[in-house]
Amino acid sequence: QVQLAESGGGLVQPGGSLRLSCVASGFTFSMYAMSWYRQAPGKERELVAAIASVTSSTYYADSVKGRFTISRDNAENTVYLQMNNLKSEDTAAYYCNVVRDGKNYWGKGTLVTVSS
């Protein structure tokens, strides 16, 4: 079955960096677009970044453009989210996502806290 496992979250000061990882299994990773979402306390889950399967073209939410970079390693079945110049408003649980056969699959999430 599809499994997504995020890691790399933690506490970081404003202006700092983190790299999130999501290891996928249970499907042919290289054939699917992958996405990162986040959900802050009291807010709806929002799309942060996405990366296509074949072309690896990318999409970023305006709020993270220029600061976050999504990438993938198809040999390792892993998608990454490099987050630089973190701000307090980036504090959220971050989730990896894949849509397969019309169904959304989610990991359990990794918590990112940006605070001094």
Protein backbone atom coordinates (compact mmCIF):
# COMPACT_ATOMS: atom_id res chain seq x y z
CA GLN A 1 0.00 0.00 0.00
CA VAL A 2 1.02 3.62 -0.47
CA GLN A 3 3.11 4.92 2.39
CA LEU A 4 4.66 8.34 2.85
CA ALA A 5 7.05 9.10 5.71
CA GLU A 6 8.12 12.67 6.40
CA SER A 7 11.10 13.72 8.48
CA GLY A 8 13.33 16.70 9.10
CA GLY A 9 11.08 19.04 11.04
CA GLY A 10 12.10 20.80 14.21
CA LEU A 11 12.58 24.10 15.98
CA VAL A 12 14.49 26.76 14.09
CA GLN A 13 15.07 30.47 14.59
CA PRO A 14 13.72 33.03 12.12
CA GLY A 15 16.05 33.23 9.14
CA GLY A 16 17.17 29.67 9.59
CA SER A 17 16.90 26.66 7.29
CA LEU A 18 15.52 23.14 7.37
CA ARG A 19 15.32 20.34 4.83
CA LEU A 20 12.32 18.08 4.92
CA SER A 21 12.36 14.60 3.40
CA CYS A 22 9.53 12.29 2.39
CA VAL A 23 10.27 8.66 1.61
CA ALA A 24 7.60 6.98 -0.48
CA SER A 25 6.74 3.32 -0.99
CA GLY A 26 3.96 1.18 -2.42
CA PHE A 27 3.82 2.79 -5.84
CA THR A 28 6.09 3.63 -8.78
CA PHE A 29 7.44 6.87 -7.39
CA SER A 30 8.98 8.18 -10.61
CA MET A 31 5.61 8.18 -12.37
CA TYR A 32 3.80 10.51 -9.98
CA ALA A 33 3.85 14.18 -9.16
CA MET A 34 4.58 14.84 -5.50
CA SER A 35 3.51 17.72 -3.30
CA TRP A 36 4.18 19.29 0.05
CA TYR A 37 1.32 20.80 2.03
CA ARG A 38 1.26 22.49 5.40
CA GLN A 39 -1.31 23.15 8.07
CA ALA A 40 -0.87 25.80 10.72
CA PRO A 41 -2.90 25.70 13.96
CA GLY A 42 -6.45 26.86 13.30
CA LYS A 43 -5.93 27.10 9.55
CA GLU A 44 -6.75 24.96 6.55
CA ARG A 45 -4.18 22.75 4.90
CA GLU A 46 -2.51 24.58 2.02
CA LEU A 47 -0.35 23.56 -0.92
CA VAL A 48 3.22 24.73 -0.50
CA ALA A 49 5.08 23.20 -3.44
CA ALA A 50 4.73 20.49 -6.06
CA ILE A 51 7.01 18.73 -8.49
CA ALA A 52 6.03 16.91 -11.66
CA SER A 53 6.98 13.34 -12.42
CA VAL A 54 8.68 13.31 -15.81
CA THR A 55 9.75 16.92 -16.33
CA SER A 56 10.32 17.73 -12.64
CA SER A 57 8.76 21.10 -13.28
CA THR A 58 7.82 22.83 -10.06
CA TYR A 59 5.09 24.96 -8.51
CA TYR A 60 5.36 27.15 -5.42
CA ALA A 61 2.85 29.06 -3.38
CA ASP A 62 3.51 32.78 -3.52
CA SER A 63 4.22 32.83 0.21
CA VAL A 64 7.28 30.56 -0.18
CA LYS A 65 8.52 31.46 -3.66
CA GLY A 66 12.22 32.29 -3.59
CA ARG A 67 12.71 30.70 -0.16
CA PHE A 68 11.67 27.06 -0.58
CA THR A 69 12.90 24.52 -3.13
CA ILE A 70 11.24 21.20 -3.89
CA SER A 71 13.26 18.40 -5.47
CA ARG A 72 13.07 14.67 -5.94
CA ASP A 73 15.39 11.69 -6.14
CA ASN A 74 13.63 8.95 -8.08
CA ALA A 75 16.38 6.44 -7.30
CA GLU A 76 15.71 6.92 -3.57
CA ASN A 77 11.90 7.36 -3.84
CA THR A 78 12.31 10.59 -1.94
CA VAL A 79 11.00 14.12 -2.30
CA TYR A 80 12.64 17.00 -0.47
CA LEU A 81 11.65 20.47 0.62
CA GLN A 82 14.57 22.80 1.29
CA MET A 83 13.32 25.73 3.36
CA ASN A 84 15.50 28.81 3.72
CA ASN A 85 14.96 32.17 5.39
CA LEU A 86 12.23 30.69 7.53
CA LYS A 87 9.65 33.01 9.05
CA SER A 88 7.34 32.60 12.03
CA GLU A 89 4.41 32.25 9.63
CA ASP A 90 6.02 29.09 8.22
CA THR A 91 5.28 27.34 11.52
CA ALA A 92 3.05 24.39 10.67
CA ALA A 93 2.84 20.66 10.28
CA TYR A 94 4.18 19.74 6.84
CA TYR A 95 2.72 16.85 4.90
CA CYS A 96 3.84 14.92 1.85
CA ASN A 97 1.12 14.11 -0.69
CA VAL A 98 0.58 11.97 -3.76
CA VAL A 99 -2.58 11.51 -5.79
CA ARG A 100 -2.87 8.00 -7.17
CA ASP A 101 -5.90 6.68 -9.02
CA GLY A 102 -7.83 9.76 -7.95
CA LYS A 103 -7.16 9.24 -4.25
CA ASN A 104 -5.10 11.50 -2.00
CA TYR A 105 -2.45 9.86 0.15
CA TRP A 106 -0.81 11.64 3.08
CA GLY A 107 2.03 11.04 5.44
CA LYS A 108 1.71 11.64 9.18
CA GLY A 109 3.48 14.97 8.88
CA THR A 110 6.49 16.62 10.42
CA LEU A 111 6.26 19.70 12.63
CA VAL A 112 8.20 22.85 11.81
CA THR A 113 8.36 25.57 14.46
CA VAL A 114 10.00 28.88 13.66
CA SER A 115 10.60 30.85 16.82
CA SER A 116 13.29 32.79 18.60
